[in-house]
Amino acid sequence: MSHIQDHPLRYELANELHTRPIPSMEAPGTVAFLALKQVFG
């Protein structure tokens, strides 16, 4: 298995996201999460 190199800004972005307050919402509601991964090759 090949080693995947981290993006230079990965840790900075992760730290920024984890310091943000958790959003709240009122019921009833809908939450959607979309994750995309670029595949090489």
PDB file of N, CA and C in Angstrom:
ATOM      1  N   MET A   1       0.849  -1.176   0.000  1.00  0.00           N
ATOM      2  CA  MET A   1       0.000   0.000   0.000  1.00  0.00           C
ATOM      3  C   MET A   1       0.894   1.239   0.000  1.00  0.00           C
ATOM      4  N   SER A   2       0.587   2.192  -0.860  1.00  0.00           N
ATOM      5  CA  SER A   2       1.413   3.396  -0.942  1.00  0.00           C
ATOM      6  C   SER A   2       1.056   4.381   0.168  1.00  0.00           C
ATOM      7  N   HIS A   3       2.039   5.161   0.552  1.00  0.00           N
ATOM      8  CA  HIS A   3       1.853   6.170   1.591  1.00  0.00           C
ATOM      9  C   HIS A   3       1.129   7.386   0.999  1.00  0.00           C
ATOM     10  N   ILE A   4       0.101   7.864   1.681  1.00  0.00           N
ATOM     11  CA  ILE A   4      -0.633   9.051   1.241  1.00  0.00           C
ATOM     12  C   ILE A   4      -0.033  10.261   1.947  1.00  0.00           C
ATOM     13  N   GLN A   5       0.429  11.220   1.177  1.00  0.00           N
ATOM     14  CA  GLN A   5       1.062  12.401   1.747  1.00  0.00           C
ATOM     15  C   GLN A   5      -0.007  13.407   2.189  1.00  0.00           C
ATOM     16  N   ASP A   6       0.138  13.937   3.410  1.00  0.00           N
ATOM     17  CA  ASP A   6      -0.792  14.938   3.916  1.00  0.00           C
ATOM     18  C   ASP A   6      -0.616  16.261   3.191  1.00  0.00           C
ATOM     19  N   HIS A   7      -1.726  16.957   2.988  1.00  0.00           N
ATOM     20  CA  HIS A   7      -1.671  18.311   2.425  1.00  0.00           C
ATOM     21  C   HIS A   7      -0.990  19.211   3.451  1.00  0.00           C
ATOM     22  N   PRO A   8      -0.190  20.191   3.013  1.00  0.00           N
ATOM     23  CA  PRO A   8       0.525  21.056   3.950  1.00  0.00           C
ATOM     24  C   PRO A   8      -0.382  21.802   4.932  1.00  0.00           C
ATOM     25  N   LEU A   9      -1.622  22.076   4.555  1.00  0.00           N
ATOM     26  CA  LEU A   9      -2.525  22.832   5.421  1.00  0.00           C
ATOM     27  C   LEU A   9      -3.491  21.941   6.202  1.00  0.00           C
ATOM     28  N   ARG A  10      -3.301  20.610   6.137  1.00  0.00           N
ATOM     29  CA  ARG A  10      -4.248  19.691   6.770  1.00  0.00           C
ATOM     30  C   ARG A  10      -4.401  19.954   8.271  1.00  0.00           C
ATOM     31  N   TYR A  11      -3.314  20.043   8.988  1.00  0.00           N
ATOM     32  CA  TYR A  11      -3.389  20.217  10.436  1.00  0.00           C
ATOM     33  C   TYR A  11      -3.962  21.580  10.803  1.00  0.00           C
ATOM     34  N   GLU A  12      -3.602  22.607  10.053  1.00  0.00           N
ATOM     35  CA  GLU A  12      -4.147  23.945  10.310  1.00  0.00           C
ATOM     36  C   GLU A  12      -5.667  23.960  10.124  1.00  0.00           C
ATOM     37  N   LEU A  13      -6.141  23.336   9.060  1.00  0.00           N
ATOM     38  CA  LEU A  13      -7.573  23.281   8.805  1.00  0.00           C
ATOM     39  C   LEU A  13      -8.293  22.452   9.872  1.00  0.00           C
ATOM     40  N   ALA A  14      -7.733  21.309  10.225  1.00  0.00           N
ATOM     41  CA  ALA A  14      -8.358  20.465  11.241  1.00  0.00           C
ATOM     42  C   ALA A  14      -8.451  21.209  12.571  1.00  0.00           C
ATOM     43  N   ASN A  15      -7.413  21.911  12.946  1.00  0.00           N
ATOM     44  CA  ASN A  15      -7.436  22.679  14.190  1.00  0.00           C
ATOM     45  C   ASN A  15      -8.476  23.792  14.134  1.00  0.00           C
ATOM     46  N   GLU A  16      -8.621  24.442  12.990  1.00  0.00           N
ATOM     47  CA  GLU A  16      -9.622  25.496  12.830  1.00  0.00           C
ATOM     48  C   GLU A  16     -11.029  24.928  12.989  1.00  0.00           C
ATOM     49  N   LEU A  17     -11.293  23.794  12.378  1.00  0.00           N
ATOM     50  CA  LEU A  17     -12.633  23.190  12.455  1.00  0.00           C
ATOM     51  C   LEU A  17     -12.966  22.744  13.869  1.00  0.00           C
ATOM     52  N   HIS A  18     -11.988  22.212  14.597  1.00  0.00           N
ATOM     53  CA  HIS A  18     -12.251  21.709  15.940  1.00  0.00           C
ATOM     54  C   HIS A  18     -12.402  22.814  16.978  1.00  0.00           C
ATOM     55  N   THR A  19     -11.984  24.042  16.662  1.00  0.00           N
ATOM     56  CA  THR A  19     -12.130  25.140  17.619  1.00  0.00           C
ATOM     57  C   THR A  19     -13.452  25.872  17.447  1.00  0.00           C
ATOM     58  N   ARG A  20     -14.189  25.576  16.402  1.00  0.00           N
ATOM     59  CA  ARG A  20     -15.472  26.245  16.171  1.00  0.00           C
ATOM     60  C   ARG A  20     -16.543  25.650  17.087  1.00  0.00           C
ATOM     61  N   PRO A  21     -17.508  26.488  17.497  1.00  0.00           N
ATOM     62  CA  PRO A  21     -18.590  25.953  18.331  1.00  0.00           C
ATOM     63  C   PRO A  21     -19.460  24.970  17.541  1.00  0.00           C
ATOM     64  N   ILE A  22     -20.022  24.017  18.247  1.00  0.00           N
ATOM     65  CA  ILE A  22     -20.893  23.034  17.604  1.00  0.00           C
ATOM     66  C   ILE A  22     -22.219  23.712  17.269  1.00  0.00           C
ATOM     67  N   PRO A  23     -22.648  23.634  16.008  1.00  0.00           N
ATOM     68  CA  PRO A  23     -23.919  24.262  15.650  1.00  0.00           C
ATOM     69  C   PRO A  23     -25.094  23.552  16.326  1.00  0.00           C
ATOM     70  N   SER A  24     -26.099  24.314  16.665  1.00  0.00           N
ATOM     71  CA  SER A  24     -27.300  23.718  17.241  1.00  0.00           C
ATOM     72  C   SER A  24     -28.456  23.937  16.286  1.00  0.00           C
ATOM     73  N   MET A  25     -29.467  23.102  16.421  1.00  0.00           N
ATOM     74  CA  MET A  25     -30.647  23.263  15.576  1.00  0.00           C
ATOM     75  C   MET A  25     -31.872  22.870  16.373  1.00  0.00           C
ATOM     76  N   GLU A  26     -32.991  23.297  15.876  1.00  0.00           N
ATOM     77  CA  GLU A  26     -34.258  23.021  16.555  1.00  0.00           C
ATOM     78  C   GLU A  26     -34.982  21.878  15.855  1.00  0.00           C
ATOM     79  N   ALA A  27     -35.692  21.082  16.630  1.00  0.00           N
ATOM     80  CA  ALA A  27     -36.459  19.974  16.061  1.00  0.00           C
ATOM     81  C   ALA A  27     -37.850  20.469  15.675  1.00  0.00           C
ATOM     82  N   PRO A  28     -38.446  19.975  14.645  1.00  0.00           N
ATOM     83  CA  PRO A  28     -37.888  19.006  13.711  1.00  0.00           C
ATOM     84  C   PRO A  28     -36.912  19.703  12.754  1.00  0.00           C
ATOM     85  N   GLY A  29     -35.985  18.956  12.234  1.00  0.00           N
ATOM     86  CA  GLY A  29     -34.998  19.511  11.314  1.00  0.00           C
ATOM     87  C   GLY A  29     -34.343  18.414  10.504  1.00  0.00           C
ATOM     88  N   THR A  30     -33.551  18.833   9.556  1.00  0.00           N
ATOM     89  CA  THR A  30     -32.836  17.896   8.700  1.00  0.00           C
ATOM     90  C   THR A  30     -31.372  18.300   8.651  1.00  0.00           C
ATOM     91  N   VAL A  31     -30.508  17.320   8.781  1.00  0.00           N
ATOM     92  CA  VAL A  31     -29.078  17.556   8.699  1.00  0.00           C
ATOM     93  C   VAL A  31     -28.530  16.698   7.566  1.00  0.00           C
ATOM     94  N   ALA A  32     -27.690  17.284   6.751  1.00  0.00           N
ATOM     95  CA  ALA A  32     -27.051  16.538   5.670  1.00  0.00           C
ATOM     96  C   ALA A  32     -25.545  16.729   5.761  1.00  0.00           C
ATOM     97  N   PHE A  33     -24.795  15.675   5.494  1.00  0.00           N
ATOM     98  CA  PHE A  33     -23.346  15.717   5.516  1.00  0.00           C
ATOM     99  C   PHE A  33     -22.857  15.075   4.236  1.00  0.00           C
ATOM    100  N   LEU A  34     -22.005  15.773   3.533  1.00  0.00           N
ATOM    101  CA  LEU A  34     -21.482  15.265   2.277  1.00  0.00           C
ATOM    102  C   LEU A  34     -19.957  15.291   2.350  1.00  0.00           C
ATOM    103  N   ALA A  35     -19.338  14.164   2.148  1.00  0.00           N
ATOM    104  CA  ALA A  35     -17.877  14.076   2.142  1.00  0.00           C
ATOM    105  C   ALA A  35     -17.433  13.608   0.766  1.00  0.00           C
ATOM    106  N   LEU A  36     -16.471  14.294   0.211  1.00  0.00           N
ATOM    107  CA  LEU A  36     -15.933  13.937  -1.100  1.00  0.00           C
ATOM    108  C   LEU A  36     -14.458  13.594  -0.957  1.00  0.00           C
ATOM    109  N   LYS A  37     -14.026  12.586  -1.674  1.00  0.00           N
ATOM    110  CA  LYS A  37     -12.619  12.199  -1.659  1.00  0.00           C
ATOM    111  C   LYS A  37     -12.146  12.096  -3.094  1.00  0.00           C
ATOM    112  N   GLN A  38     -11.075  12.799  -3.370  1.00  0.00           N
ATOM    113  CA  GLN A  38     -10.508  12.725  -4.712  1.00  0.00           C
ATOM    114  C   GLN A  38      -9.686  11.452  -4.826  1.00  0.00           C
ATOM    115  N   VAL A  39      -9.948  10.696  -5.864  1.00  0.00           N
ATOM    116  CA  VAL A  39      -9.261   9.438  -6.065  1.00  0.00           C
ATOM    117  C   VAL A  39      -8.281   9.611  -7.228  1.00  0.00           C
ATOM    118  N   PHE A  40      -7.052   9.250  -6.980  1.00  0.00           N
ATOM    119  CA  PHE A  40      -6.022   9.362  -8.010  1.00  0.00           C
ATOM    120  C   PHE A  40      -5.820   8.009  -8.671  1.00  0.00           C
ATOM    121  N   GLY A  41      -5.728   8.051  -9.978  1.00  0.00           N
ATOM    122  CA  GLY A  41      -5.315   6.956 -10.608  1.00  0.00           C
ATOM    123  C   GLY A  41      -5.736   5.878 -11.334  1.00  0.00           C
TER     124      GLY A  41
END
